[in-house]
């Protein structure tokens, strides 16, 4: 049988390739930084937070249609839902309602009980199959 004294190329090639990749990546990372220090960092909160109407109660149940991460996306989704025929879609913020899981939520309706909100969510789900609404308890920040 033919036998070689050199180690198999698989493990050695993997180690050499990894070290080479780390060195080249480090050099490129130093040479071409991701952002210039001349420019201010981009933020997702450039626009002022959307305002909710003062007519919302202190504590209520609502049907959440979407939980976007930015104000612009929340406003766009609310407009999209209203264009689809979901009237009364509004944007709520975590600063106003700390019980929100996301920074913003597009919601519709205010209900006194969970059952009433759940019925509204079922009706929305039946009328708009592409929407996945869920019920959330809201309490205004004090």
Protein backbone atom coordinates (compact mmCIF):
# COMPACT_ATOMS: atom_id res chain seq x y z
CA UNK A 1 0.00 0.00 0.00
CA UNK A 2 1.00 3.53 -0.67
CA UNK A 3 1.42 5.44 2.56
CA UNK A 4 2.33 9.04 3.02
CA UNK A 5 3.96 10.62 6.00
CA UNK A 6 1.98 13.84 5.66
CA UNK A 7 -1.20 14.27 7.69
CA UNK A 8 -4.51 14.14 5.93
CA UNK A 9 -5.36 17.41 4.14
CA UNK A 10 -8.86 17.72 5.68
CA UNK A 11 -8.10 18.79 9.26
CA UNK A 12 -4.93 20.67 8.37
CA UNK A 13 -6.63 22.52 5.54
CA UNK A 14 -9.49 23.46 7.86
CA UNK A 15 -7.13 24.92 10.46
CA UNK A 16 -5.06 26.84 7.89
CA UNK A 17 -8.20 28.14 6.15
CA UNK A 18 -9.72 29.30 9.44
CA UNK A 19 -6.57 31.16 10.51
CA UNK A 20 -6.20 32.72 7.05
CA UNK A 21 -9.87 33.82 7.08
CA UNK A 22 -9.54 35.42 10.51
CA UNK A 23 -6.42 37.34 9.46
CA UNK A 24 -7.92 38.56 6.17
CA UNK A 25 -11.24 39.44 7.89
CA UNK A 26 -9.42 41.42 10.57
CA UNK A 27 -7.41 43.36 8.01
CA UNK A 28 -10.52 44.13 5.94
CA UNK A 29 -12.46 45.11 9.06
CA UNK A 30 -9.78 47.60 10.05
CA UNK A 31 -9.37 48.92 6.50
CA UNK A 32 -13.08 49.34 5.74
CA UNK A 33 -15.03 50.20 8.88
CA UNK A 34 -18.78 49.65 8.82
CA UNK A 35 -19.59 53.30 9.42
CA UNK A 36 -17.72 56.54 9.36
CA UNK A 37 -17.39 58.55 12.55
CA UNK A 38 -18.22 61.67 10.48
CA UNK A 39 -21.87 60.66 10.23
CA UNK A 40 -24.30 60.50 13.14
CA UNK A 41 -25.57 57.00 13.95
CA UNK A 42 -28.86 56.03 12.34
CA UNK A 43 -31.77 55.66 14.73
CA UNK A 44 -35.21 54.20 14.28
CA UNK A 45 -36.81 56.95 16.37
CA UNK A 46 -36.20 59.91 14.05
CA UNK A 47 -39.91 60.69 13.89
CA UNK A 48 -41.82 61.73 16.98
CA UNK A 49 -43.84 58.92 18.51
CA UNK A 50 -47.39 58.72 17.23
CA UNK A 51 -50.07 60.17 19.45
CA UNK A 52 -53.07 58.22 20.59
CA UNK A 53 -56.34 59.94 21.16
CA UNK A 54 -57.19 61.11 24.65
CA UNK A 55 -60.41 59.10 24.53
CA UNK A 56 -58.69 55.83 25.47
CA UNK A 57 -59.61 54.53 28.91
CA UNK A 58 -57.02 53.89 31.61
CA UNK A 59 -57.46 50.12 31.46
CA UNK A 60 -58.98 48.08 28.63
CA UNK A 61 -58.62 45.08 26.34
CA UNK A 62 -57.75 45.56 22.69
CA UNK A 63 -57.13 43.49 19.58
CA UNK A 64 -53.52 43.71 18.39
CA UNK A 65 -53.08 43.42 14.62
CA UNK A 66 -49.30 43.94 14.39
CA UNK A 67 -46.28 44.70 16.59
CA UNK A 68 -43.81 46.69 14.47
CA UNK A 69 -40.46 47.88 15.83
CA UNK A 70 -40.44 51.43 14.42
CA UNK A 71 -42.84 54.33 14.39
CA UNK A 72 -42.76 54.59 10.60
CA UNK A 73 -43.58 50.91 10.18
CA UNK A 74 -46.39 51.17 12.73
CA UNK A 75 -47.97 54.11 10.92
CA UNK A 76 -47.65 52.32 7.57
CA UNK A 77 -49.24 49.15 8.94
CA UNK A 78 -52.11 51.12 10.50
CA UNK A 79 -52.76 52.83 7.15
CA UNK A 80 -52.58 49.45 5.41
CA UNK A 81 -55.15 47.92 7.76
CA UNK A 82 -57.47 50.90 7.33
CA UNK A 83 -57.14 50.61 3.54
CA UNK A 84 -58.14 46.93 3.84
CA UNK A 85 -61.31 48.01 5.62
CA UNK A 86 -60.34 47.61 9.28
CA UNK A 87 -61.70 50.86 10.65
CA UNK A 88 -60.27 52.38 13.81
CA UNK A 89 -56.77 50.86 13.57
CA UNK A 90 -54.48 52.99 15.71
CA UNK A 91 -50.89 52.93 16.94
CA UNK A 92 -50.14 52.51 20.64
CA UNK A 93 -46.67 52.94 22.14
CA UNK A 94 -44.92 51.19 25.01
CA UNK A 95 -44.22 54.57 26.63
CA UNK A 96 -47.97 55.16 26.95
CA UNK A 97 -48.89 51.50 27.64
CA UNK A 98 -46.02 49.63 29.34
CA UNK A 99 -47.85 46.28 29.01
CA UNK A 100 -46.99 46.21 25.30
CA UNK A 101 -44.37 43.63 24.42
CA UNK A 102 -43.05 45.57 21.40
CA UNK A 103 -42.21 49.27 21.16
CA UNK A 104 -45.33 49.84 19.04
CA UNK A 105 -48.58 48.01 18.40
CA UNK A 106 -51.27 48.50 15.79
CA UNK A 107 -54.55 47.88 17.61
CA UNK A 108 -58.24 48.14 16.97
CA UNK A 109 -61.03 48.57 19.49
CA UNK A 110 -61.31 49.04 23.23
CA UNK A 111 -63.26 46.46 25.23
CA UNK A 112 -64.18 46.16 28.89
CA UNK A 113 -63.74 42.37 29.04
CA UNK A 114 -61.43 39.79 27.53
CA UNK A 115 -64.40 37.89 26.09
CA UNK A 116 -65.64 40.94 24.17
CA UNK A 117 -62.16 41.56 22.76
CA UNK A 118 -61.80 37.87 21.88
CA UNK A 119 -65.09 37.95 19.98
CA UNK A 120 -63.87 41.00 18.05
CA UNK A 121 -60.60 39.18 17.24
CA UNK A 122 -62.53 36.15 15.97
CA UNK A 123 -64.70 38.39 13.78
CA UNK A 124 -61.62 40.09 12.33
CA UNK A 125 -59.95 36.73 11.71
CA UNK A 126 -63.06 35.51 9.86
CA UNK A 127 -63.43 38.69 7.79
CA UNK A 128 -59.69 39.15 7.06
CA UNK A 129 -57.97 35.72 6.90
CA UNK A 130 -54.54 37.26 6.24
CA UNK A 131 -54.62 39.04 9.64
CA UNK A 132 -53.59 37.23 12.84
CA UNK A 133 -55.15 39.32 15.63
CA UNK A 134 -54.72 38.59 19.32
CA UNK A 135 -56.12 40.08 22.52
CA UNK A 136 -53.98 42.16 24.85
CA UNK A 137 -54.75 43.81 28.18
CA UNK A 138 -53.71 47.49 28.27
CA UNK A 139 -53.07 49.79 31.17
CA UNK A 140 -52.08 53.42 30.70
CA UNK A 141 -48.78 54.54 32.24
CA UNK A 142 -49.24 56.81 35.20
